[in-house]
Amino acid sequence: MVTKPYFVILNEVKNLLRMQEIKLLFSNKLRDSSGFTLRMTVLKPSHSVRTKSNLII
């Protein structure tokens, strides 16, 4: 189960990216008991190119 600090970090990241006018769709998944994977799709309003990145916290 995801602990509170992860949600705090995700909320801060979302707020920072909103200030830059970047829309995000988050798909969060736990890989195992010790790892957390954040799958992020970044959609920039001025570009039609989608950038996908996997961040391991």
PDB file of N, CA and C in Angstrom:
ATOM      1  N   MET A   1       0.835  -1.192   0.000  1.00  0.00           N
ATOM      2  CA  MET A   1       0.000   0.000   0.000  1.00  0.00           C
ATOM      3  C   MET A   1       0.878   1.254   0.000  1.00  0.00           C
ATOM      4  N   VAL A   2       0.449   2.253  -0.743  1.00  0.00           N
ATOM      5  CA  VAL A   2       1.225   3.481  -0.868  1.00  0.00           C
ATOM      6  C   VAL A   2       1.105   4.302   0.406  1.00  0.00           C
ATOM      7  N   THR A   3       2.237   4.760   0.898  1.00  0.00           N
ATOM      8  CA  THR A   3       2.225   5.539   2.129  1.00  0.00           C
ATOM      9  C   THR A   3       2.022   7.017   1.832  1.00  0.00           C
ATOM     10  N   LYS A   4       1.734   7.777   2.871  1.00  0.00           N
ATOM     11  CA  LYS A   4       1.405   9.193   2.721  1.00  0.00           C
ATOM     12  C   LYS A   4       2.490  10.027   2.041  1.00  0.00           C
ATOM     13  N   PRO A   5       3.776   9.829   2.361  1.00  0.00           N
ATOM     14  CA  PRO A   5       4.808  10.652   1.707  1.00  0.00           C
ATOM     15  C   PRO A   5       4.773  10.602   0.183  1.00  0.00           C
ATOM     16  N   TYR A   6       4.388   9.460  -0.391  1.00  0.00           N
ATOM     17  CA  TYR A   6       4.290   9.375  -1.846  1.00  0.00           C
ATOM     18  C   TYR A   6       3.231  10.332  -2.370  1.00  0.00           C
ATOM     19  N   PHE A   7       2.073  10.389  -1.675  1.00  0.00           N
ATOM     20  CA  PHE A   7       1.005  11.280  -2.111  1.00  0.00           C
ATOM     21  C   PHE A   7       1.435  12.738  -1.991  1.00  0.00           C
ATOM     22  N   VAL A   8       2.167  13.070  -0.935  1.00  0.00           N
ATOM     23  CA  VAL A   8       2.661  14.437  -0.754  1.00  0.00           C
ATOM     24  C   VAL A   8       3.592  14.815  -1.895  1.00  0.00           C
ATOM     25  N   ILE A   9       4.501  13.906  -2.251  1.00  0.00           N
ATOM     26  CA  ILE A   9       5.438  14.154  -3.350  1.00  0.00           C
ATOM     27  C   ILE A   9       4.689  14.309  -4.671  1.00  0.00           C
ATOM     28  N   LEU A  10       3.730  13.430  -4.931  1.00  0.00           N
ATOM     29  CA  LEU A  10       2.978  13.498  -6.178  1.00  0.00           C
ATOM     30  C   LEU A  10       2.192  14.793  -6.277  1.00  0.00           C
ATOM     31  N   ASN A  11       1.589  15.230  -5.168  1.00  0.00           N
ATOM     32  CA  ASN A  11       0.832  16.477  -5.183  1.00  0.00           C
ATOM     33  C   ASN A  11       1.731  17.669  -5.455  1.00  0.00           C
ATOM     34  N   GLU A  12       2.920  17.680  -4.867  1.00  0.00           N
ATOM     35  CA  GLU A  12       3.863  18.773  -5.112  1.00  0.00           C
ATOM     36  C   GLU A  12       4.295  18.796  -6.574  1.00  0.00           C
ATOM     37  N   VAL A  13       4.568  17.623  -7.129  1.00  0.00           N
ATOM     38  CA  VAL A  13       4.969  17.543  -8.541  1.00  0.00           C
ATOM     39  C   VAL A  13       3.848  18.042  -9.442  1.00  0.00           C
ATOM     40  N   LYS A  14       2.623  17.612  -9.159  1.00  0.00           N
ATOM     41  CA  LYS A  14       1.482  18.044  -9.970  1.00  0.00           C
ATOM     42  C   LYS A  14       1.299  19.552  -9.903  1.00  0.00           C
ATOM     43  N   ASN A  15       1.425  20.125  -8.707  1.00  0.00           N
ATOM     44  CA  ASN A  15       1.262  21.573  -8.556  1.00  0.00           C
ATOM     45  C   ASN A  15       2.327  22.340  -9.326  1.00  0.00           C
ATOM     46  N   LEU A  16       3.578  21.877  -9.259  1.00  0.00           N
ATOM     47  CA  LEU A  16       4.662  22.545  -9.985  1.00  0.00           C
ATOM     48  C   LEU A  16       4.441  22.477 -11.491  1.00  0.00           C
ATOM     49  N   LEU A  17       3.993  21.334 -11.974  1.00  0.00           N
ATOM     50  CA  LEU A  17       3.778  21.178 -13.405  1.00  0.00           C
ATOM     51  C   LEU A  17       2.562  21.964 -13.877  1.00  0.00           C
ATOM     52  N   ARG A  18       1.545  22.101 -13.023  1.00  0.00           N
ATOM     53  CA  ARG A  18       0.385  22.916 -13.383  1.00  0.00           C
ATOM     54  C   ARG A  18       0.788  24.376 -13.571  1.00  0.00           C
ATOM     55  N   MET A  19       1.724  24.840 -12.748  1.00  0.00           N
ATOM     56  CA  MET A  19       2.175  26.226 -12.871  1.00  0.00           C
ATOM     57  C   MET A  19       2.875  26.452 -14.206  1.00  0.00           C
ATOM     58  N   GLN A  20       3.407  25.406 -14.789  1.00  0.00           N
ATOM     59  CA  GLN A  20       4.070  25.498 -16.091  1.00  0.00           C
ATOM     60  C   GLN A  20       3.105  25.187 -17.234  1.00  0.00           C
ATOM     61  N   GLU A  21       1.820  25.094 -16.906  1.00  0.00           N
ATOM     62  CA  GLU A  21       0.770  24.833 -17.894  1.00  0.00           C
ATOM     63  C   GLU A  21       0.989  23.527 -18.641  1.00  0.00           C
ATOM     64  N   ILE A  22       1.395  22.521 -17.914  1.00  0.00           N
ATOM     65  CA  ILE A  22       1.566  21.192 -18.505  1.00  0.00           C
ATOM     66  C   ILE A  22       0.501  20.272 -17.918  1.00  0.00           C
ATOM     67  N   LYS A  23      -0.259  19.642 -18.771  1.00  0.00           N
ATOM     68  CA  LYS A  23      -1.308  18.742 -18.310  1.00  0.00           C
ATOM     69  C   LYS A  23      -0.747  17.337 -18.169  1.00  0.00           C
ATOM     70  N   LEU A  24      -1.072  16.722 -17.071  1.00  0.00           N
ATOM     71  CA  LEU A  24      -0.530  15.392 -16.811  1.00  0.00           C
ATOM     72  C   LEU A  24      -1.630  14.372 -16.569  1.00  0.00           C
ATOM     73  N   LEU A  25      -1.377  13.196 -17.049  1.00  0.00           N
ATOM     74  CA  LEU A  25      -2.228  12.059 -16.723  1.00  0.00           C
ATOM     75  C   LEU A  25      -1.355  11.054 -15.984  1.00  0.00           C
ATOM     76  N   PHE A  26      -1.686  10.841 -14.716  1.00  0.00           N
ATOM     77  CA  PHE A  26      -0.862   9.961 -13.906  1.00  0.00           C
ATOM     78  C   PHE A  26      -1.465   8.562 -13.826  1.00  0.00           C
ATOM     79  N   SER A  27      -0.631   7.585 -14.027  1.00  0.00           N
ATOM     80  CA  SER A  27      -1.029   6.201 -13.822  1.00  0.00           C
ATOM     81  C   SER A  27      -0.035   5.603 -12.837  1.00  0.00           C
ATOM     82  N   ASN A  28      -0.491   5.417 -11.615  1.00  0.00           N
ATOM     83  CA  ASN A  28       0.408   4.969 -10.555  1.00  0.00           C
ATOM     84  C   ASN A  28       0.252   3.467 -10.313  1.00  0.00           C
ATOM     85  N   LYS A  29       1.360   2.800 -10.183  1.00  0.00           N
ATOM     86  CA  LYS A  29       1.325   1.350  -9.985  1.00  0.00           C
ATOM     87  C   LYS A  29       2.473   0.931  -9.073  1.00  0.00           C
ATOM     88  N   LEU A  30       2.174   0.036  -8.161  1.00  0.00           N
ATOM     89  CA  LEU A  30       3.231  -0.514  -7.314  1.00  0.00           C
ATOM     90  C   LEU A  30       3.854  -1.713  -8.015  1.00  0.00           C
ATOM     91  N   ARG A  31       5.161  -1.673  -8.193  1.00  0.00           N
ATOM     92  CA  ARG A  31       5.838  -2.797  -8.845  1.00  0.00           C
ATOM     93  C   ARG A  31       6.022  -3.948  -7.880  1.00  0.00           C
ATOM     94  N   ASP A  32       6.461  -3.635  -6.678  1.00  0.00           N
ATOM     95  CA  ASP A  32       6.606  -4.669  -5.664  1.00  0.00           C
ATOM     96  C   ASP A  32       6.529  -4.000  -4.296  1.00  0.00           C
ATOM     97  N   SER A  33       6.852  -4.706  -3.243  1.00  0.00           N
ATOM     98  CA  SER A  33       6.710  -4.165  -1.898  1.00  0.00           C
ATOM     99  C   SER A  33       7.740  -3.079  -1.594  1.00  0.00           C
ATOM    100  N   SER A  34       8.835  -3.042  -2.348  1.00  0.00           N
ATOM    101  CA  SER A  34       9.891  -2.079  -2.042  1.00  0.00           C
ATOM    102  C   SER A  34      10.038  -0.982  -3.093  1.00  0.00           C
ATOM    103  N   GLY A  35       9.346  -1.113  -4.227  1.00  0.00           N
ATOM    104  CA  GLY A  35       9.513  -0.133  -5.297  1.00  0.00           C
ATOM    105  C   GLY A  35       8.209   0.522  -5.692  1.00  0.00           C
ATOM    106  N   PHE A  36       8.287   1.778  -6.104  1.00  0.00           N
ATOM    107  CA  PHE A  36       7.102   2.516  -6.537  1.00  0.00           C
ATOM    108  C   PHE A  36       7.360   3.078  -7.928  1.00  0.00           C
ATOM    109  N   THR A  37       6.484   2.786  -8.855  1.00  0.00           N
ATOM    110  CA  THR A  37       6.661   3.254 -10.224  1.00  0.00           C
ATOM    111  C   THR A  37       5.636   4.326 -10.553  1.00  0.00           C
ATOM    112  N   LEU A  38       6.110   5.446 -11.036  1.00  0.00           N
ATOM    113  CA  LEU A  38       5.229   6.512 -11.490  1.00  0.00           C
ATOM    114  C   LEU A  38       5.304   6.573 -13.007  1.00  0.00           C
ATOM    115  N   ARG A  39       4.214   6.175 -13.658  1.00  0.00           N
ATOM    116  CA  ARG A  39       4.181   6.228 -15.115  1.00  0.00           C
ATOM    117  C   ARG A  39       3.496   7.527 -15.510  1.00  0.00           C
ATOM    118  N   MET A  40       4.222   8.359 -16.215  1.00  0.00           N
ATOM    119  CA  MET A  40       3.749   9.705 -16.480  1.00  0.00           C
ATOM    120  C   MET A  40       3.683   9.995 -17.971  1.00  0.00           C
ATOM    121  N   THR A  41       2.535  10.505 -18.404  1.00  0.00           N
ATOM    122  CA  THR A  41       2.389  10.951 -19.780  1.00  0.00           C
ATOM    123  C   THR A  41       2.267  12.465 -19.773  1.00  0.00           C
ATOM    124  N   VAL A  42       3.194  13.129 -20.429  1.00  0.00           N
ATOM    125  CA  VAL A  42       3.205  14.586 -20.448  1.00  0.00           C
ATOM    126  C   VAL A  42       2.597  15.082 -21.757  1.00  0.00           C
ATOM    127  N   LEU A  43       1.578  15.912 -21.628  1.00  0.00           N
ATOM    128  CA  LEU A  43       0.937  16.489 -22.801  1.00  0.00           C
ATOM    129  C   LEU A  43       1.144  17.996 -22.783  1.00  0.00           C
ATOM    130  N   LYS A  44       1.928  18.503 -23.718  1.00  0.00           N
ATOM    131  CA  LYS A  44       2.156  19.945 -23.793  1.00  0.00           C
ATOM    132  C   LYS A  44       1.163  20.562 -24.784  1.00  0.00           C
ATOM    133  N   PRO A  45       0.501  21.653 -24.388  1.00  0.00           N
ATOM    134  CA  PRO A  45      -0.518  22.278 -25.237  1.00  0.00           C
ATOM    135  C   PRO A  45       0.021  22.728 -26.598  1.00  0.00           C
ATOM    136  N   SER A  46       1.285  23.149 -26.661  1.00  0.00           N
ATOM    137  CA  SER A  46       1.836  23.694 -27.897  1.00  0.00           C
ATOM    138  C   SER A  46       2.414  22.620 -28.820  1.00  0.00           C
ATOM    139  N   HIS A  47       2.462  21.390 -28.342  1.00  0.00           N
ATOM    140  CA  HIS A  47       3.039  20.315 -29.144  1.00  0.00           C
ATOM    141  C   HIS A  47       2.099  19.118 -29.175  1.00  0.00           C
ATOM    142  N   SER A  48       2.115  18.397 -30.280  1.00  0.00           N
ATOM    143  CA  SER A  48       1.293  17.205 -30.393  1.00  0.00           C
ATOM    144  C   SER A  48       2.081  15.946 -30.066  1.00  0.00           C
ATOM    145  N   VAL A  49       3.345  16.131 -29.700  1.00  0.00           N
ATOM    146  CA  VAL A  49       4.212  14.995 -29.393  1.00  0.00           C
ATOM    147  C   VAL A  49       4.046  14.594 -27.936  1.00  0.00           C
ATOM    148  N   ARG A  50       3.842  13.329 -27.693  1.00  0.00           N
ATOM    149  CA  ARG A  50       3.706  12.831 -26.332  1.00  0.00           C
ATOM    150  C   ARG A  50       5.031  12.259 -25.856  1.00  0.00           C
ATOM    151  N   THR A  51       5.381  12.612 -24.634  1.00  0.00           N
ATOM    152  CA  THR A  51       6.616  12.099 -24.047  1.00  0.00           C
ATOM    153  C   THR A  51       6.266  11.216 -22.868  1.00  0.00           C
ATOM    154  N   LYS A  52       6.691   9.972 -22.921  1.00  0.00           N
ATOM    155  CA  LYS A  52       6.421   9.042 -21.831  1.00  0.00           C
ATOM    156  C   LYS A  52       7.710   8.762 -21.079  1.00  0.00           C
ATOM    157  N   SER A  53       7.604   8.762 -19.766  1.00  0.00           N
ATOM    158  CA  SER A  53       8.786   8.476 -18.960  1.00  0.00           C
ATOM    159  C   SER A  53       8.397   7.663 -17.744  1.00  0.00           C
ATOM    160  N   ASN A  54       9.284   6.817 -17.310  1.00  0.00           N
ATOM    161  CA  ASN A  54       9.064   6.019 -16.114  1.00  0.00           C
ATOM    162  C   ASN A  54      10.036   6.464 -15.040  1.00  0.00           C
ATOM    163  N   LEU A  55       9.496   6.882 -13.902  1.00  0.00           N
ATOM    164  CA  LEU A  55      10.332   7.320 -12.796  1.00  0.00           C
ATOM    165  C   LEU A  55      10.225   6.311 -11.675  1.00  0.00           C
ATOM    166  N   ILE A  56      11.346   5.836 -11.173  1.00  0.00           N
ATOM    167  CA  ILE A  56      11.353   4.890 -10.066  1.00  0.00           C
ATOM    168  C   ILE A  56      11.798   5.622  -8.813  1.00  0.00           C
ATOM    169  N   ILE A  57      10.897   5.680  -7.836  1.00  0.00           N
ATOM    170  CA  ILE A  57      11.201   6.376  -6.584  1.00  0.00           C
ATOM    171  C   ILE A  57      11.552   5.354  -5.522  1.00  0.00           C
TER     172      ILE A  57
END
